[in-house]
Amino acid sequence: MIHGIGIDIVQTARIRTAVERWGHRFLERVFTSGEISYAYKKADPFLSLAARFAAKEAFIKAYPRDQAIPLTDIEIVHRDNGSPLLNLQGRTKKYLEEMFASTIHISLSHEKEYCVACVVIEERT
């Protein structure tokens, strides 16, 4: 059974502007060191960063509780085949594991100006 669905779209320029304005302070507040490293290996790191930001926001929308979630507790990594995977940390991970979640699906897409992400959280049946 689906417990939550979230979708988000982010303009790539918004992330570029935030990084230019606040630099590493912004990056460390929003992204894990692995996400930052992954993005900066790309020709345009802002596409990867914007896609990850959209995924974090989509997860928060799908998350079943009204509580603040540190963005760095939500990490987007990749399987061997390249598909994205959410790697949760902290109380968010603990809650989902103990309460109900069995699978979290994520899809990312981007082009030059926009990045979009969709997250579906499935409940154990």
C-alpha atoms as a PDB file:
ATOM      1  CA  MET A   1       0.000   0.000   0.000  1.00  0.00           C
ATOM      2  CA  ILE A   2       1.266   3.469  -0.855  1.00  0.00           C
ATOM      3  CA  HIS A   3       1.734   5.596   2.226  1.00  0.00           C
ATOM      4  CA  GLY A   4       3.066   8.791   0.692  1.00  0.00           C
ATOM      5  CA  ILE A   5       3.864  10.414  -2.629  1.00  0.00           C
ATOM      6  CA  GLY A   6       5.944  13.537  -3.122  1.00  0.00           C
ATOM      7  CA  ILE A   7       7.077  15.449  -6.178  1.00  0.00           C
ATOM      8  CA  ASP A   8       9.213  18.550  -6.514  1.00  0.00           C
ATOM      9  CA  ILE A   9      10.724  20.648  -9.270  1.00  0.00           C
ATOM     10  CA  VAL A  10      13.744  22.930  -8.842  1.00  0.00           C
ATOM     11  CA  GLN A  11      15.182  25.505 -11.178  1.00  0.00           C
ATOM     12  CA  THR A  12      18.885  24.727 -11.596  1.00  0.00           C
ATOM     13  CA  ALA A  13      19.774  28.428 -11.479  1.00  0.00           C
ATOM     14  CA  ARG A  14      18.309  28.663  -7.964  1.00  0.00           C
ATOM     15  CA  ILE A  15      20.868  26.173  -6.652  1.00  0.00           C
ATOM     16  CA  ARG A  16      23.705  27.819  -8.594  1.00  0.00           C
ATOM     17  CA  THR A  17      22.775  31.199  -7.074  1.00  0.00           C
ATOM     18  CA  ALA A  18      22.656  29.755  -3.545  1.00  0.00           C
ATOM     19  CA  VAL A  19      26.093  28.158  -3.951  1.00  0.00           C
ATOM     20  CA  GLU A  20      27.559  31.352  -5.405  1.00  0.00           C
ATOM     21  CA  ARG A  21      26.087  33.409  -2.557  1.00  0.00           C
ATOM     22  CA  TRP A  22      26.704  31.143   0.458  1.00  0.00           C
ATOM     23  CA  GLY A  23      29.337  28.748  -0.841  1.00  0.00           C
ATOM     24  CA  HIS A  24      30.351  25.714   1.145  1.00  0.00           C
ATOM     25  CA  ARG A  25      28.142  26.725   4.076  1.00  0.00           C
ATOM     26  CA  PHE A  26      25.054  26.178   1.906  1.00  0.00           C
ATOM     27  CA  LEU A  27      26.380  22.931   0.463  1.00  0.00           C
ATOM     28  CA  GLU A  28      27.142  21.425   3.893  1.00  0.00           C
ATOM     29  CA  ARG A  29      23.752  22.428   5.288  1.00  0.00           C
ATOM     30  CA  VAL A  30      21.815  20.796   2.449  1.00  0.00           C
ATOM     31  CA  PHE A  31      23.955  17.978   1.025  1.00  0.00           C
ATOM     32  CA  THR A  32      26.095  15.151   2.382  1.00  0.00           C
ATOM     33  CA  SER A  33      29.802  15.048   1.572  1.00  0.00           C
ATOM     34  CA  GLY A  34      29.116  12.125  -0.783  1.00  0.00           C
ATOM     35  CA  GLU A  35      26.501  14.110  -2.698  1.00  0.00           C
ATOM     36  CA  ILE A  36      28.798  17.120  -2.999  1.00  0.00           C
ATOM     37  CA  SER A  37      31.674  14.948  -4.201  1.00  0.00           C
ATOM     38  CA  TYR A  38      29.455  13.171  -6.735  1.00  0.00           C
ATOM     39  CA  ALA A  39      28.056  16.436  -8.125  1.00  0.00           C
ATOM     40  CA  TYR A  40      31.418  18.119  -8.539  1.00  0.00           C
ATOM     41  CA  LYS A  41      32.701  15.226 -10.651  1.00  0.00           C
ATOM     42  CA  LYS A  42      30.072  16.150 -13.254  1.00  0.00           C
ATOM     43  CA  ALA A  43      30.518  18.700 -16.060  1.00  0.00           C
ATOM     44  CA  ASP A  44      27.673  20.751 -14.530  1.00  0.00           C
ATOM     45  CA  PRO A  45      27.483  20.045 -10.795  1.00  0.00           C
ATOM     46  CA  PHE A  46      24.391  22.224 -10.392  1.00  0.00           C
ATOM     47  CA  LEU A  47      22.219  19.763 -12.327  1.00  0.00           C
ATOM     48  CA  SER A  48      23.122  17.002  -9.866  1.00  0.00           C
ATOM     49  CA  LEU A  49      22.737  19.275  -6.862  1.00  0.00           C
ATOM     50  CA  ALA A  50      19.357  20.560  -8.045  1.00  0.00           C
ATOM     51  CA  ALA A  51      18.102  17.016  -8.718  1.00  0.00           C
ATOM     52  CA  ARG A  52      19.154  15.982  -5.211  1.00  0.00           C
ATOM     53  CA  PHE A  53      17.515  19.030  -3.682  1.00  0.00           C
ATOM     54  CA  ALA A  54      14.289  18.193  -5.529  1.00  0.00           C
ATOM     55  CA  ALA A  55      14.513  14.594  -4.276  1.00  0.00           C
ATOM     56  CA  LYS A  56      14.944  15.728  -0.685  1.00  0.00           C
ATOM     57  CA  GLU A  57      11.914  18.015  -0.974  1.00  0.00           C
ATOM     58  CA  ALA A  58       9.865  15.263  -2.645  1.00  0.00           C
ATOM     59  CA  PHE A  59      10.763  12.871   0.175  1.00  0.00           C
ATOM     60  CA  ILE A  60       9.703  15.416   2.797  1.00  0.00           C
ATOM     61  CA  LYS A  61       6.349  15.762   1.039  1.00  0.00           C
ATOM     62  CA  ALA A  62       5.890  11.978   1.030  1.00  0.00           C
ATOM     63  CA  TYR A  63       7.095  11.543   4.622  1.00  0.00           C
ATOM     64  CA  PRO A  64       4.162  10.734   6.931  1.00  0.00           C
ATOM     65  CA  ARG A  65       5.059  12.895   9.933  1.00  0.00           C
ATOM     66  CA  ASP A  66       4.904  16.576  10.710  1.00  0.00           C
ATOM     67  CA  GLN A  67       8.427  17.007  11.982  1.00  0.00           C
ATOM     68  CA  ALA A  68      11.501  18.790  10.749  1.00  0.00           C
ATOM     69  CA  ILE A  69      13.922  16.580   8.857  1.00  0.00           C
ATOM     70  CA  PRO A  70      17.533  17.640   8.446  1.00  0.00           C
ATOM     71  CA  LEU A  71      18.220  17.646   4.705  1.00  0.00           C
ATOM     72  CA  THR A  72      21.505  15.855   5.314  1.00  0.00           C
ATOM     73  CA  ASP A  73      19.522  12.916   6.783  1.00  0.00           C
ATOM     74  CA  ILE A  74      18.292  12.331   3.220  1.00  0.00           C
ATOM     75  CA  GLU A  75      21.096  11.226   0.912  1.00  0.00           C
ATOM     76  CA  ILE A  76      20.709  10.309  -2.721  1.00  0.00           C
ATOM     77  CA  VAL A  77      23.146   7.630  -3.841  1.00  0.00           C
ATOM     78  CA  HIS A  78      23.221   5.375  -6.883  1.00  0.00           C
ATOM     79  CA  ARG A  79      22.929   1.633  -7.356  1.00  0.00           C
ATOM     80  CA  ASP A  80      25.491  -0.154  -9.520  1.00  0.00           C
ATOM     81  CA  ASN A  81      23.167   0.233 -12.515  1.00  0.00           C
ATOM     82  CA  GLY A  82      23.050   4.022 -12.011  1.00  0.00           C
ATOM     83  CA  SER A  83      19.491   4.280 -10.711  1.00  0.00           C
ATOM     84  CA  PRO A  84      18.992   6.579  -7.706  1.00  0.00           C
ATOM     85  CA  LEU A  85      18.422   5.282  -4.197  1.00  0.00           C
ATOM     86  CA  LEU A  86      17.547   7.109  -0.973  1.00  0.00           C
ATOM     87  CA  ASN A  87      19.960   6.477   1.872  1.00  0.00           C
ATOM     88  CA  LEU A  88      18.282   7.741   5.043  1.00  0.00           C
ATOM     89  CA  GLN A  89      20.014   8.599   8.303  1.00  0.00           C
ATOM     90  CA  GLY A  90      19.072   9.534  11.860  1.00  0.00           C
ATOM     91  CA  ARG A  91      15.578   9.497  13.293  1.00  0.00           C
ATOM     92  CA  THR A  92      14.018   9.539   9.829  1.00  0.00           C
ATOM     93  CA  LYS A  93      15.551   6.171   8.995  1.00  0.00           C
ATOM     94  CA  LYS A  94      14.681   4.753  12.405  1.00  0.00           C
ATOM     95  CA  TYR A  95      11.043   5.860  12.215  1.00  0.00           C
ATOM     96  CA  LEU A  96      10.468   4.470   8.747  1.00  0.00           C
ATOM     97  CA  GLU A  97      12.131   1.151   9.566  1.00  0.00           C
ATOM     98  CA  GLU A  98      10.272   0.679  12.848  1.00  0.00           C
ATOM     99  CA  MET A  99       6.860   1.944  11.863  1.00  0.00           C
ATOM    100  CA  PHE A 100       5.891   0.938   8.394  1.00  0.00           C
ATOM    101  CA  ALA A 101       8.028   1.602   5.345  1.00  0.00           C
ATOM    102  CA  SER A 102       9.182  -1.308   3.304  1.00  0.00           C
ATOM    103  CA  THR A 103      10.282   0.351   0.081  1.00  0.00           C
ATOM    104  CA  ILE A 104      11.028   3.863  -1.071  1.00  0.00           C
ATOM    105  CA  HIS A 105      10.952   4.500  -4.811  1.00  0.00           C
ATOM    106  CA  ILE A 106      12.663   7.527  -6.320  1.00  0.00           C
ATOM    107  CA  SER A 107      12.880   8.926  -9.814  1.00  0.00           C
ATOM    108  CA  LEU A 108      15.008  11.900 -10.887  1.00  0.00           C
ATOM    109  CA  SER A 109      15.085  13.790 -14.151  1.00  0.00           C
ATOM    110  CA  HIS A 110      16.797  16.949 -15.299  1.00  0.00           C
ATOM    111  CA  GLU A 111      17.563  19.138 -18.237  1.00  0.00           C
ATOM    112  CA  LYS A 112      19.382  22.436 -18.456  1.00  0.00           C
ATOM    113  CA  GLU A 113      16.932  24.615 -16.547  1.00  0.00           C
ATOM    114  CA  TYR A 114      14.904  22.297 -14.310  1.00  0.00           C
ATOM    115  CA  CYS A 115      15.241  19.182 -12.205  1.00  0.00           C
ATOM    116  CA  VAL A 116      12.326  17.102 -10.984  1.00  0.00           C
ATOM    117  CA  ALA A 117      12.044  14.253  -8.503  1.00  0.00           C
ATOM    118  CA  CYS A 118       9.281  11.921  -7.426  1.00  0.00           C
ATOM    119  CA  VAL A 119       9.270   9.779  -4.272  1.00  0.00           C
ATOM    120  CA  VAL A 120       6.811   7.033  -3.360  1.00  0.00           C
ATOM    121  CA  ILE A 121       6.866   5.453   0.103  1.00  0.00           C
ATOM    122  CA  GLU A 122       5.305   2.011   0.369  1.00  0.00           C
ATOM    123  CA  GLU A 123       3.920   0.579   3.594  1.00  0.00           C
ATOM    124  CA  ARG A 124       4.567  -2.953   4.758  1.00  0.00           C
ATOM    125  CA  THR A 125       1.563  -5.143   4.180  1.00  0.00           C
END
